[in-house]
């Protein structure tokens, strides 16, 4: 396992980090299965675990808390808030009112007195940067969080938040958690240059592109991944974007074979090769998934392999742009772009 400094914090984290989204109802995992995955991940050298309040409505946090009991101080523990937690309209977002309340809920579910990294799961256009950063700074000073970061923010919002922190003399985001894979390279255009400029650590989620780069999805095979069961539209090859992904996967498989690598090693090695990326977040549902991903922990891709990847999916290209989670609101809501 390789270790890297998380932005400018001085904290050392593993180049592969354990994402716990599949713990609980989403991944249909039991507590014993989740604990076994955590045990094996820590044994394999992973020291960063990332979860969120919204993962299975808090069940993921509860499972993580039980799995790490007795060894909290050896783990860099991260969670998130922003997504809805129920139907009540104020049980979501990044207002002071909600963050103060929901952090306490997360700490209770995790069974800890603080988290190392508290992240805003998505940019909240209804709440000012000053409001959110002020609340996070106070929670940091109270000792409930050590650092705070953003997740899936558009590049211009990352910059705005940095300037707001400076203008109002508040703590700043020290990390960003964007989606990044060989098939979704759009963040190379603006987000990663910005994180490098401001010295943010980057925790990349979905490095296997929802399973497209796991090796399980190939031409002529039925798609039977767990993700395809509840998101079939993402794997319907009659859709042009999915057809483009499958064509790219077939070419990438040839690159992996020639280099003597699995598709998972190629995919994770690509993400961790970018100088702006600190860690790739893996989200195994089973021990077999975890072991196949840990095998990429020491993978270093040669320049020839990286060049071959660039020739298949050009730098800065998203093969499924409609799946991006950082689209500016004005592109989604017609009322915001019409007088």
C-alpha atoms as a PDB file:
ATOM      1  CA  UNK A   1       0.000   0.000   0.000  1.00  0.00           C
ATOM      2  CA  UNK A   2       1.177   3.508  -0.805  1.00  0.00           C
ATOM      3  CA  UNK A   3       0.529   6.422   1.561  1.00  0.00           C
ATOM      4  CA  UNK A   4       0.114  10.072   0.684  1.00  0.00           C
ATOM      5  CA  UNK A   5      -0.410  13.335   2.509  1.00  0.00           C
ATOM      6  CA  UNK A   6      -4.040  14.444   2.527  1.00  0.00           C
ATOM      7  CA  UNK A   7      -3.755  17.894   0.964  1.00  0.00           C
ATOM      8  CA  UNK A   8      -1.832  20.158   3.313  1.00  0.00           C
ATOM      9  CA  UNK A   9      -3.152  18.576   6.529  1.00  0.00           C
ATOM     10  CA  UNK A  10      -0.084  16.479   7.272  1.00  0.00           C
ATOM     11  CA  UNK A  11      -2.332  13.414   7.708  1.00  0.00           C
ATOM     12  CA  UNK A  12      -1.053  10.304   5.924  1.00  0.00           C
ATOM     13  CA  UNK A  13      -3.720   8.229   4.163  1.00  0.00           C
ATOM     14  CA  UNK A  14      -3.649   5.106   2.013  1.00  0.00           C
ATOM     15  CA  UNK A  15      -3.834   5.473  -1.763  1.00  0.00           C
ATOM     16  CA  UNK A  16      -6.857   3.163  -1.698  1.00  0.00           C
ATOM     17  CA  UNK A  17      -9.576   4.130   0.778  1.00  0.00           C
ATOM     18  CA  UNK A  18     -12.594   2.106   1.868  1.00  0.00           C
ATOM     19  CA  UNK A  19     -15.952   3.559   0.860  1.00  0.00           C
ATOM     20  CA  UNK A  20     -18.847   2.181   2.896  1.00  0.00           C
ATOM     21  CA  UNK A  21     -21.811   3.014   0.653  1.00  0.00           C
ATOM     22  CA  UNK A  22     -22.525  -0.691   0.150  1.00  0.00           C
ATOM     23  CA  UNK A  23     -22.806  -1.382   3.875  1.00  0.00           C
ATOM     24  CA  UNK A  24     -26.429  -2.063   4.816  1.00  0.00           C
ATOM     25  CA  UNK A  25     -29.530  -1.999   2.659  1.00  0.00           C
ATOM     26  CA  UNK A  26     -27.905  -0.566  -0.487  1.00  0.00           C
ATOM     27  CA  UNK A  27     -25.415  -3.414  -0.808  1.00  0.00           C
ATOM     28  CA  UNK A  28     -27.535  -5.950   1.088  1.00  0.00           C
ATOM     29  CA  UNK A  29     -24.671  -6.579   3.495  1.00  0.00           C
ATOM     30  CA  UNK A  30     -24.985  -7.768   7.080  1.00  0.00           C
ATOM     31  CA  UNK A  31     -22.991  -6.441  10.025  1.00  0.00           C
ATOM     32  CA  UNK A  32     -20.771  -9.534  10.018  1.00  0.00           C
ATOM     33  CA  UNK A  33     -20.035  -9.045   6.309  1.00  0.00           C
ATOM     34  CA  UNK A  34     -19.283  -5.354   6.774  1.00  0.00           C
ATOM     35  CA  UNK A  35     -16.988  -6.070   9.724  1.00  0.00           C
ATOM     36  CA  UNK A  36     -15.143  -8.722   7.711  1.00  0.00           C
ATOM     37  CA  UNK A  37     -14.575  -6.211   4.884  1.00  0.00           C
ATOM     38  CA  UNK A  38     -13.293  -3.587   7.343  1.00  0.00           C
ATOM     39  CA  UNK A  39     -11.005  -6.140   9.019  1.00  0.00           C
ATOM     40  CA  UNK A  40      -9.516  -7.220   5.686  1.00  0.00           C
ATOM     41  CA  UNK A  41      -9.165  -3.633   4.449  1.00  0.00           C
ATOM     42  CA  UNK A  42      -7.231  -2.587   7.556  1.00  0.00           C
ATOM     43  CA  UNK A  43      -5.077  -5.694   7.315  1.00  0.00           C
ATOM     44  CA  UNK A  44      -4.372  -4.777   3.687  1.00  0.00           C
ATOM     45  CA  UNK A  45      -3.050  -1.360   4.707  1.00  0.00           C
ATOM     46  CA  UNK A  46      -6.121   0.851   4.195  1.00  0.00           C
ATOM     47  CA  UNK A  47      -6.399   3.476   6.939  1.00  0.00           C
ATOM     48  CA  UNK A  48      -9.145   5.773   5.583  1.00  0.00           C
ATOM     49  CA  UNK A  49     -12.826   4.803   5.813  1.00  0.00           C
ATOM     50  CA  UNK A  50     -15.456   7.025   4.180  1.00  0.00           C
ATOM     51  CA  UNK A  51     -19.203   6.852   4.766  1.00  0.00           C
ATOM     52  CA  UNK A  52     -22.194   9.238   4.824  1.00  0.00           C
ATOM     53  CA  UNK A  53     -25.371   9.811   6.777  1.00  0.00           C
ATOM     54  CA  UNK A  54     -27.525   9.122   3.712  1.00  0.00           C
ATOM     55  CA  UNK A  55     -26.031   5.702   2.946  1.00  0.00           C
ATOM     56  CA  UNK A  56     -28.920   3.353   3.752  1.00  0.00           C
ATOM     57  CA  UNK A  57     -30.429   6.090   5.939  1.00  0.00           C
ATOM     58  CA  UNK A  58     -27.657   5.929   8.519  1.00  0.00           C
ATOM     59  CA  UNK A  59     -27.232   2.164   8.537  1.00  0.00           C
ATOM     60  CA  UNK A  60     -23.799   2.407   6.919  1.00  0.00           C
ATOM     61  CA  UNK A  61     -22.549   4.706   9.683  1.00  0.00           C
ATOM     62  CA  UNK A  62     -23.892   2.318  12.313  1.00  0.00           C
ATOM     63  CA  UNK A  63     -22.136  -0.643  10.697  1.00  0.00           C
ATOM     64  CA  UNK A  64     -18.864   1.247  10.337  1.00  0.00           C
ATOM     65  CA  UNK A  65     -19.049   2.288  13.981  1.00  0.00           C
ATOM     66  CA  UNK A  66     -19.472  -1.287  15.173  1.00  0.00           C
ATOM     67  CA  UNK A  67     -16.758  -2.547  12.825  1.00  0.00           C
ATOM     68  CA  UNK A  68     -14.119  -0.076  14.080  1.00  0.00           C
ATOM     69  CA  UNK A  69     -14.961  -0.296  17.776  1.00  0.00           C
ATOM     70  CA  UNK A  70     -11.790  -0.537  19.846  1.00  0.00           C
ATOM     71  CA  UNK A  71      -9.480   0.727  17.110  1.00  0.00           C
ATOM     72  CA  UNK A  72     -10.814   4.197  16.358  1.00  0.00           C
ATOM     73  CA  UNK A  73      -7.481   5.964  16.777  1.00  0.00           C
ATOM     74  CA  UNK A  74      -5.845   3.905  14.012  1.00  0.00           C
ATOM     75  CA  UNK A  75      -8.373   5.033  11.397  1.00  0.00           C
ATOM     76  CA  UNK A  76      -8.920   8.266   9.503  1.00  0.00           C
ATOM     77  CA  UNK A  77     -12.712   8.388   9.672  1.00  0.00           C
ATOM     78  CA  UNK A  78     -14.754  10.445   7.197  1.00  0.00           C
ATOM     79  CA  UNK A  79     -18.473  11.004   6.771  1.00  0.00           C
ATOM     80  CA  UNK A  80     -20.778  13.433   4.971  1.00  0.00           C
ATOM     81  CA  UNK A  81     -24.022  15.401   5.253  1.00  0.00           C
ATOM     82  CA  UNK A  82     -26.345  17.305   2.892  1.00  0.00           C
ATOM     83  CA  UNK A  83     -28.601  14.697   1.240  1.00  0.00           C
ATOM     84  CA  UNK A  84     -32.168  14.340   2.581  1.00  0.00           C
ATOM     85  CA  UNK A  85     -32.628  12.337   5.766  1.00  0.00           C
ATOM     86  CA  UNK A  86     -36.383  11.848   5.670  1.00  0.00           C
ATOM     87  CA  UNK A  87     -39.230  13.944   4.362  1.00  0.00           C
ATOM     88  CA  UNK A  88     -38.901  16.956   6.669  1.00  0.00           C
ATOM     89  CA  UNK A  89     -37.749  19.857   4.499  1.00  0.00           C
ATOM     90  CA  UNK A  90     -35.042  21.080   6.894  1.00  0.00           C
ATOM     91  CA  UNK A  91     -33.484  17.650   7.431  1.00  0.00           C
ATOM     92  CA  UNK A  92     -31.083  18.206   4.542  1.00  0.00           C
ATOM     93  CA  UNK A  93     -28.760  20.803   3.061  1.00  0.00           C
ATOM     94  CA  UNK A  94     -25.777  22.622   4.539  1.00  0.00           C
ATOM     95  CA  UNK A  95     -27.385  25.190   6.834  1.00  0.00           C
ATOM     96  CA  UNK A  96     -25.954  25.692  10.313  1.00  0.00           C
ATOM     97  CA  UNK A  97     -29.244  24.409  11.757  1.00  0.00           C
ATOM     98  CA  UNK A  98     -28.952  21.069   9.971  1.00  0.00           C
ATOM     99  CA  UNK A  99     -25.180  20.494  10.124  1.00  0.00           C
ATOM    100  CA  UNK A 100     -25.007  20.996  13.890  1.00  0.00           C
ATOM    101  CA  UNK A 101     -27.885  18.584  14.402  1.00  0.00           C
ATOM    102  CA  UNK A 102     -26.850  15.983  11.858  1.00  0.00           C
ATOM    103  CA  UNK A 103     -23.224  15.791  12.947  1.00  0.00           C
ATOM    104  CA  UNK A 104     -24.420  14.789  16.407  1.00  0.00           C
ATOM    105  CA  UNK A 105     -26.623  12.148  14.764  1.00  0.00           C
ATOM    106  CA  UNK A 106     -23.649  10.836  12.776  1.00  0.00           C
ATOM    107  CA  UNK A 107     -21.404  10.732  15.854  1.00  0.00           C
ATOM    108  CA  UNK A 108     -24.092   8.769  17.709  1.00  0.00           C
ATOM    109  CA  UNK A 109     -24.489   6.273  14.856  1.00  0.00           C
ATOM    110  CA  UNK A 110     -20.720   5.882  14.512  1.00  0.00           C
ATOM    111  CA  UNK A 111     -20.236   5.581  18.267  1.00  0.00           C
ATOM    112  CA  UNK A 112     -17.403   8.127  18.332  1.00  0.00           C
ATOM    113  CA  UNK A 113     -16.835  11.601  19.770  1.00  0.00           C
ATOM    114  CA  UNK A 114     -15.353  13.091  16.599  1.00  0.00           C
ATOM    115  CA  UNK A 115     -14.745  12.435  12.915  1.00  0.00           C
ATOM    116  CA  UNK A 116     -11.507  13.264  11.163  1.00  0.00           C
ATOM    117  CA  UNK A 117     -13.120  14.581   7.986  1.00  0.00           C
ATOM    118  CA  UNK A 118     -16.663  15.974   7.649  1.00  0.00           C
ATOM    119  CA  UNK A 119     -17.734  16.585   4.064  1.00  0.00           C
ATOM    120  CA  UNK A 120     -20.570  18.496   2.428  1.00  0.00           C
ATOM    121  CA  UNK A 121     -22.006  15.834   0.129  1.00  0.00           C
ATOM    122  CA  UNK A 122     -23.110  18.264  -2.593  1.00  0.00           C
ATOM    123  CA  UNK A 123     -23.018  22.008  -3.099  1.00  0.00           C
ATOM    124  CA  UNK A 124     -26.155  23.596  -1.640  1.00  0.00           C
ATOM    125  CA  UNK A 125     -27.246  26.546  -3.828  1.00  0.00           C
ATOM    126  CA  UNK A 126     -29.739  27.692  -1.157  1.00  0.00           C
ATOM    127  CA  UNK A 127     -27.104  28.239   1.549  1.00  0.00           C
ATOM    128  CA  UNK A 128     -24.277  30.775   1.517  1.00  0.00           C
ATOM    129  CA  UNK A 129     -20.668  29.685   1.808  1.00  0.00           C
ATOM    130  CA  UNK A 130     -20.293  31.901   4.873  1.00  0.00           C
ATOM    131  CA  UNK A 131     -23.180  30.140   6.652  1.00  0.00           C
ATOM    132  CA  UNK A 132     -21.808  26.662   5.963  1.00  0.00           C
ATOM    133  CA  UNK A 133     -18.154  27.453   6.632  1.00  0.00           C
ATOM    134  CA  UNK A 134     -19.015  29.288   9.834  1.00  0.00           C
ATOM    135  CA  UNK A 135     -20.904  26.262  11.163  1.00  0.00           C
ATOM    136  CA  UNK A 136     -18.107  23.881  10.148  1.00  0.00           C
ATOM    137  CA  UNK A 137     -15.464  26.122  11.732  1.00  0.00           C
ATOM    138  CA  UNK A 138     -17.397  26.162  15.016  1.00  0.00           C
ATOM    139  CA  UNK A 139     -17.790  22.367  14.941  1.00  0.00           C
ATOM    140  CA  UNK A 140     -14.050  22.081  14.329  1.00  0.00           C
ATOM    141  CA  UNK A 141     -13.251  24.378  17.250  1.00  0.00           C
ATOM    142  CA  UNK A 142     -15.601  22.316  19.430  1.00  0.00           C
ATOM    143  CA  UNK A 143     -13.467  19.254  18.668  1.00  0.00           C
ATOM    144  CA  UNK A 144     -16.219  17.321  16.910  1.00  0.00           C
ATOM    145  CA  UNK A 145     -14.448  17.351  13.538  1.00  0.00           C
ATOM    146  CA  UNK A 146     -10.761  17.656  12.740  1.00  0.00           C
ATOM    147  CA  UNK A 147     -11.074  18.834   9.122  1.00  0.00           C
ATOM    148  CA  UNK A 148     -13.844  19.499   6.632  1.00  0.00           C
ATOM    149  CA  UNK A 149     -14.175  19.109   2.893  1.00  0.00           C
ATOM    150  CA  UNK A 150     -16.518  19.208  -0.096  1.00  0.00           C
ATOM    151  CA  UNK A 151     -17.842  16.498  -2.368  1.00  0.00           C
ATOM    152  CA  UNK A 152     -18.724  16.748  -6.058  1.00  0.00           C
ATOM    153  CA  UNK A 153     -18.529  20.553  -6.118  1.00  0.00           C
ATOM    154  CA  UNK A 154     -18.201  22.323  -9.475  1.00  0.00           C
ATOM    155  CA  UNK A 155     -14.778  23.905  -9.851  1.00  0.00           C
ATOM    156  CA  UNK A 156     -16.069  27.462  -9.570  1.00  0.00           C
ATOM    157  CA  UNK A 157     -17.808  26.616  -6.271  1.00  0.00           C
ATOM    158  CA  UNK A 158     -14.572  25.198  -4.875  1.00  0.00           C
ATOM    159  CA  UNK A 159     -12.900  28.520  -5.698  1.00  0.00           C
ATOM    160  CA  UNK A 160     -15.779  30.576  -4.268  1.00  0.00           C
ATOM    161  CA  UNK A 161     -15.633  28.641  -0.997  1.00  0.00           C
ATOM    162  CA  UNK A 162     -11.889  29.204  -0.708  1.00  0.00           C
ATOM    163  CA  UNK A 163     -12.393  32.944  -1.200  1.00  0.00           C
ATOM    164  CA  UNK A 164     -15.290  33.034   1.267  1.00  0.00           C
ATOM    165  CA  UNK A 165     -13.127  31.361   3.907  1.00  0.00           C
ATOM    166  CA  UNK A 166     -10.421  33.943   3.368  1.00  0.00           C
ATOM    167  CA  UNK A 167     -12.818  36.903   3.306  1.00  0.00           C
ATOM    168  CA  UNK A 168     -14.634  35.920   6.496  1.00  0.00           C
ATOM    169  CA  UNK A 169     -11.594  34.486   8.344  1.00  0.00           C
ATOM    170  CA  UNK A 170     -13.108  31.010   8.574  1.00  0.00           C
ATOM    171  CA  UNK A 171     -11.753  27.507   8.245  1.00  0.00           C
ATOM    172  CA  UNK A 172     -11.594  26.224   4.683  1.00  0.00           C
ATOM    173  CA  UNK A 173     -12.338  23.023   2.848  1.00  0.00           C
ATOM    174  CA  UNK A 174      -9.157  20.949   2.759  1.00  0.00           C
ATOM    175  CA  UNK A 175     -10.448  18.127   0.550  1.00  0.00           C
ATOM    176  CA  UNK A 176     -12.706  17.520  -2.436  1.00  0.00           C
ATOM    177  CA  UNK A 177     -14.374  14.206  -3.276  1.00  0.00           C
ATOM    178  CA  UNK A 178     -15.220  14.057  -7.011  1.00  0.00           C
ATOM    179  CA  UNK A 179     -16.256  11.228  -9.307  1.00  0.00           C
ATOM    180  CA  UNK A 180     -13.287  10.151 -11.444  1.00  0.00           C
ATOM    181  CA  UNK A 181     -12.509   7.186 -13.669  1.00  0.00           C
ATOM    182  CA  UNK A 182     -11.101   6.351 -17.084  1.00  0.00           C
ATOM    183  CA  UNK A 183     -14.629   6.693 -18.481  1.00  0.00           C
ATOM    184  CA  UNK A 184     -15.460   9.940 -16.650  1.00  0.00           C
ATOM    185  CA  UNK A 185     -12.465  12.289 -17.007  1.00  0.00           C
ATOM    186  CA  UNK A 186     -14.252  15.630 -17.083  1.00  0.00           C
ATOM    187  CA  UNK A 187     -12.802  16.810 -13.774  1.00  0.00           C
ATOM    188  CA  UNK A 188      -9.369  16.932 -15.404  1.00  0.00           C
ATOM    189  CA  UNK A 189     -10.517  20.068 -17.214  1.00  0.00           C
ATOM    190  CA  UNK A 190     -11.299  22.338 -14.264  1.00  0.00           C
ATOM    191  CA  UNK A 191     -11.720  20.565 -10.899  1.00  0.00           C
ATOM    192  CA  UNK A 192      -8.313  18.903 -10.551  1.00  0.00           C
ATOM    193  CA  UNK A 193      -6.367  22.019 -11.607  1.00  0.00           C
ATOM    194  CA  UNK A 194      -8.300  23.960  -8.947  1.00  0.00           C
ATOM    195  CA  UNK A 195      -7.659  21.401  -6.206  1.00  0.00           C
ATOM    196  CA  UNK A 196      -3.959  21.480  -7.058  1.00  0.00           C
ATOM    197  CA  UNK A 197      -3.950  25.284  -6.985  1.00  0.00           C
ATOM    198  CA  UNK A 198      -5.471  25.365  -3.486  1.00  0.00           C
ATOM    199  CA  UNK A 199      -3.668  22.328  -2.105  1.00  0.00           C
ATOM    200  CA  UNK A 200      -6.776  20.219  -1.528  1.00  0.00           C
ATOM    201  CA  UNK A 201      -6.603  16.496  -0.985  1.00  0.00           C
ATOM    202  CA  UNK A 202      -8.698  14.566  -3.523  1.00  0.00           C
ATOM    203  CA  UNK A 203     -10.630  11.405  -2.681  1.00  0.00           C
ATOM    204  CA  UNK A 204     -11.919  10.043  -5.984  1.00  0.00           C
ATOM    205  CA  UNK A 205     -15.176   8.094  -5.903  1.00  0.00           C
ATOM    206  CA  UNK A 206     -16.466   5.571  -8.462  1.00  0.00           C
ATOM    207  CA  UNK A 207     -12.999   4.781  -9.911  1.00  0.00           C
ATOM    208  CA  UNK A 208     -14.502   1.591 -11.394  1.00  0.00           C
ATOM    209  CA  UNK A 209     -17.287   3.616 -13.050  1.00  0.00           C
ATOM    210  CA  UNK A 210     -20.185   1.812 -11.321  1.00  0.00           C
ATOM    211  CA  UNK A 211     -18.720  -1.551 -12.326  1.00  0.00           C
ATOM    212  CA  UNK A 212     -18.032  -0.794 -15.987  1.00  0.00           C
ATOM    213  CA  UNK A 213     -14.296  -1.173 -15.305  1.00  0.00           C
ATOM    214  CA  UNK A 214     -14.524  -4.174 -12.979  1.00  0.00           C
ATOM    215  CA  UNK A 215     -13.947  -6.710 -15.750  1.00  0.00           C
ATOM    216  CA  UNK A 216     -17.443  -8.110 -15.340  1.00  0.00           C
ATOM    217  CA  UNK A 217     -18.970  -6.084 -18.184  1.00  0.00           C
ATOM    218  CA  UNK A 218     -17.840  -7.174 -21.645  1.00  0.00           C
ATOM    219  CA  UNK A 219     -19.238  -7.446 -25.144  1.00  0.00           C
ATOM    220  CA  UNK A 220     -21.573 -10.428 -25.535  1.00  0.00           C
ATOM    221  CA  UNK A 221     -22.098 -10.974 -21.810  1.00  0.00           C
ATOM    222  CA  UNK A 222     -25.253 -10.363 -19.830  1.00  0.00           C
ATOM    223  CA  UNK A 223     -24.778  -7.534 -17.316  1.00  0.00           C
ATOM    224  CA  UNK A 224     -25.432  -9.065 -13.896  1.00  0.00           C
ATOM    225  CA  UNK A 225     -23.709  -6.616 -11.550  1.00  0.00           C
ATOM    226  CA  UNK A 226     -25.578  -5.561  -8.410  1.00  0.00           C
ATOM    227  CA  UNK A 227     -25.657  -1.951  -9.608  1.00  0.00           C
ATOM    228  CA  UNK A 228     -27.373  -2.927 -12.875  1.00  0.00           C
ATOM    229  CA  UNK A 229     -30.266  -4.457 -10.949  1.00  0.00           C
ATOM    230  CA  UNK A 230     -31.488  -1.108  -9.622  1.00  0.00           C
ATOM    231  CA  UNK A 231     -29.982   1.220 -12.233  1.00  0.00           C
ATOM    232  CA  UNK A 232     -30.669  -0.639 -15.508  1.00  0.00           C
ATOM    233  CA  UNK A 233     -30.607   2.532 -17.608  1.00  0.00           C
ATOM    234  CA  UNK A 234     -26.883   2.924 -16.875  1.00  0.00           C
ATOM    235  CA  UNK A 235     -26.134  -0.409 -18.523  1.00  0.00           C
ATOM    236  CA  UNK A 236     -28.556  -0.533 -21.441  1.00  0.00           C
ATOM    237  CA  UNK A 237     -26.259  -0.721 -24.457  1.00  0.00           C
ATOM    238  CA  UNK A 238     -29.040   0.539 -26.723  1.00  0.00           C
ATOM    239  CA  UNK A 239     -28.332   3.948 -25.195  1.00  0.00           C
ATOM    240  CA  UNK A 240     -25.523   5.668 -27.165  1.00  0.00           C
ATOM    241  CA  UNK A 241     -23.511   6.714 -24.084  1.00  0.00           C
ATOM    242  CA  UNK A 242     -23.539   3.143 -22.797  1.00  0.00           C
ATOM    243  CA  UNK A 243     -22.562   1.815 -26.192  1.00  0.00           C
ATOM    244  CA  UNK A 244     -19.607   4.209 -26.172  1.00  0.00           C
ATOM    245  CA  UNK A 245     -18.609   2.974 -22.731  1.00  0.00           C
ATOM    246  CA  UNK A 246     -18.763  -0.653 -23.806  1.00  0.00           C
ATOM    247  CA  UNK A 247     -16.667   0.076 -26.896  1.00  0.00           C
ATOM    248  CA  UNK A 248     -14.074   1.805 -24.699  1.00  0.00           C
ATOM    249  CA  UNK A 249     -14.084  -1.074 -22.200  1.00  0.00           C
ATOM    250  CA  UNK A 250     -13.336  -3.570 -24.975  1.00  0.00           C
ATOM    251  CA  UNK A 251     -10.334  -1.508 -26.090  1.00  0.00           C
ATOM    252  CA  UNK A 252      -9.170  -0.988 -22.498  1.00  0.00           C
ATOM    253  CA  UNK A 253      -9.356  -4.725 -21.871  1.00  0.00           C
ATOM    254  CA  UNK A 254      -6.812  -5.184 -24.642  1.00  0.00           C
ATOM    255  CA  UNK A 255      -4.505  -2.615 -23.034  1.00  0.00           C
ATOM    256  CA  UNK A 256      -4.816  -4.382 -19.672  1.00  0.00           C
ATOM    257  CA  UNK A 257      -4.102  -7.804 -21.181  1.00  0.00           C
ATOM    258  CA  UNK A 258      -1.022  -6.547 -22.999  1.00  0.00           C
ATOM    259  CA  UNK A 259       0.274  -4.966 -19.780  1.00  0.00           C
ATOM    260  CA  UNK A 260      -0.419  -8.099 -17.726  1.00  0.00           C
ATOM    261  CA  UNK A 261      -2.992  -6.324 -15.566  1.00  0.00           C
ATOM    262  CA  UNK A 262      -6.581  -6.926 -14.550  1.00  0.00           C
ATOM    263  CA  UNK A 263      -9.162  -4.335 -15.543  1.00  0.00           C
ATOM    264  CA  UNK A 264      -9.417  -3.346 -11.885  1.00  0.00           C
ATOM    265  CA  UNK A 265      -5.664  -2.768 -11.670  1.00  0.00           C
ATOM    266  CA  UNK A 266      -5.788  -0.685 -14.847  1.00  0.00           C
ATOM    267  CA  UNK A 267      -8.721   1.385 -13.579  1.00  0.00           C
ATOM    268  CA  UNK A 268      -7.413   2.044 -10.069  1.00  0.00           C
ATOM    269  CA  UNK A 269      -3.846   2.528 -11.271  1.00  0.00           C
ATOM    270  CA  UNK A 270      -5.085   5.190 -13.686  1.00  0.00           C
ATOM    271  CA  UNK A 271      -6.910   7.172 -10.984  1.00  0.00           C
ATOM    272  CA  UNK A 272      -4.086   7.052  -8.452  1.00  0.00           C
ATOM    273  CA  UNK A 273      -1.546   8.030 -11.126  1.00  0.00           C
ATOM    274  CA  UNK A 274      -2.908  11.579 -11.381  1.00  0.00           C
ATOM    275  CA  UNK A 275      -0.748  13.899  -9.247  1.00  0.00           C
ATOM    276  CA  UNK A 276      -3.826  15.704  -7.908  1.00  0.00           C
ATOM    277  CA  UNK A 277      -5.440  12.519  -6.557  1.00  0.00           C
ATOM    278  CA  UNK A 278      -4.708  11.448  -2.997  1.00  0.00           C
ATOM    279  CA  UNK A 279      -6.800   8.274  -2.759  1.00  0.00           C
ATOM    280  CA  UNK A 280      -9.201   6.217  -4.839  1.00  0.00           C
ATOM    281  CA  UNK A 281     -12.322   5.212  -2.914  1.00  0.00           C
ATOM    282  CA  UNK A 282     -13.188   1.559  -3.433  1.00  0.00           C
ATOM    283  CA  UNK A 283     -16.646   0.338  -2.410  1.00  0.00           C
ATOM    284  CA  UNK A 284     -16.505  -3.460  -2.191  1.00  0.00           C
ATOM    285  CA  UNK A 285     -19.691  -5.327  -1.349  1.00  0.00           C
ATOM    286  CA  UNK A 286     -17.948  -8.637  -0.619  1.00  0.00           C
ATOM    287  CA  UNK A 287     -14.553  -9.882   0.533  1.00  0.00           C
ATOM    288  CA  UNK A 288     -13.856 -11.173  -2.989  1.00  0.00           C
ATOM    289  CA  UNK A 289     -14.496  -7.681  -4.363  1.00  0.00           C
ATOM    290  CA  UNK A 290     -12.159  -6.201  -1.758  1.00  0.00           C
ATOM    291  CA  UNK A 291      -9.302  -8.608  -2.447  1.00  0.00           C
ATOM    292  CA  UNK A 292      -9.508  -8.023  -6.202  1.00  0.00           C
ATOM    293  CA  UNK A 293      -9.268  -4.281  -5.569  1.00  0.00           C
ATOM    294  CA  UNK A 294      -6.499  -4.493  -2.964  1.00  0.00           C
ATOM    295  CA  UNK A 295      -4.443  -6.245  -5.650  1.00  0.00           C
ATOM    296  CA  UNK A 296      -4.165  -2.814  -7.302  1.00  0.00           C
ATOM    297  CA  UNK A 297      -2.650  -1.150  -4.228  1.00  0.00           C
ATOM    298  CA  UNK A 298       0.882  -1.177  -5.639  1.00  0.00           C
ATOM    299  CA  UNK A 299      -0.027  -0.842  -9.318  1.00  0.00           C
ATOM    300  CA  UNK A 300       1.991   1.804 -11.148  1.00  0.00           C
ATOM    301  CA  UNK A 301       1.080   2.295 -14.792  1.00  0.00           C
ATOM    302  CA  UNK A 302       3.821   2.981 -17.307  1.00  0.00           C
ATOM    303  CA  UNK A 303       3.771   6.005 -19.570  1.00  0.00           C
ATOM    304  CA  UNK A 304       2.973   3.734 -22.523  1.00  0.00           C
ATOM    305  CA  UNK A 305      -0.113   2.343 -20.775  1.00  0.00           C
ATOM    306  CA  UNK A 306      -1.308   5.812 -19.780  1.00  0.00           C
ATOM    307  CA  UNK A 307      -0.792   7.000 -23.361  1.00  0.00           C
ATOM    308  CA  UNK A 308      -2.850   4.054 -24.621  1.00  0.00           C
ATOM    309  CA  UNK A 309      -5.664   4.973 -22.233  1.00  0.00           C
ATOM    310  CA  UNK A 310      -5.542   8.583 -23.482  1.00  0.00           C
ATOM    311  CA  UNK A 311      -5.943   7.353 -27.052  1.00  0.00           C
ATOM    312  CA  UNK A 312      -9.131   5.478 -26.102  1.00  0.00           C
ATOM    313  CA  UNK A 313     -10.730   8.086 -23.822  1.00  0.00           C
ATOM    314  CA  UNK A 314      -9.298  11.545 -24.378  1.00  0.00           C
ATOM    315  CA  UNK A 315      -8.257  13.609 -21.342  1.00  0.00           C
ATOM    316  CA  UNK A 316     -11.108  15.709 -19.955  1.00  0.00           C
ATOM    317  CA  UNK A 317     -13.791  13.562 -21.612  1.00  0.00           C
ATOM    318  CA  UNK A 318     -16.930  12.236 -19.905  1.00  0.00           C
ATOM    319  CA  UNK A 319     -18.404   9.340 -21.862  1.00  0.00           C
ATOM    320  CA  UNK A 320     -21.630   9.678 -19.855  1.00  0.00           C
ATOM    321  CA  UNK A 321     -21.896  13.403 -19.251  1.00  0.00           C
ATOM    322  CA  UNK A 322     -25.579  13.071 -18.275  1.00  0.00           C
ATOM    323  CA  UNK A 323     -24.544  11.147 -15.152  1.00  0.00           C
ATOM    324  CA  UNK A 324     -22.411  13.925 -13.720  1.00  0.00           C
ATOM    325  CA  UNK A 325     -23.428  15.129 -10.277  1.00  0.00           C
ATOM    326  CA  UNK A 326     -21.898  18.611 -10.419  1.00  0.00           C
ATOM    327  CA  UNK A 327     -23.996  20.102 -13.213  1.00  0.00           C
ATOM    328  CA  UNK A 328     -24.749  23.785 -12.453  1.00  0.00           C
ATOM    329  CA  UNK A 329     -28.386  24.296 -11.387  1.00  0.00           C
ATOM    330  CA  UNK A 330     -29.006  26.685 -14.305  1.00  0.00           C
ATOM    331  CA  UNK A 331     -28.540  23.788 -16.722  1.00  0.00           C
ATOM    332  CA  UNK A 332     -31.135  21.688 -14.918  1.00  0.00           C
ATOM    333  CA  UNK A 333     -33.826  24.263 -14.115  1.00  0.00           C
ATOM    334  CA  UNK A 334     -35.122  26.307 -17.089  1.00  0.00           C
ATOM    335  CA  UNK A 335     -36.372  29.023 -14.716  1.00  0.00           C
ATOM    336  CA  UNK A 336     -32.793  29.872 -13.848  1.00  0.00           C
ATOM    337  CA  UNK A 337     -31.809  30.647 -17.444  1.00  0.00           C
ATOM    338  CA  UNK A 338     -34.851  32.591 -18.643  1.00  0.00           C
ATOM    339  CA  UNK A 339     -36.100  36.075 -17.869  1.00  0.00           C
END
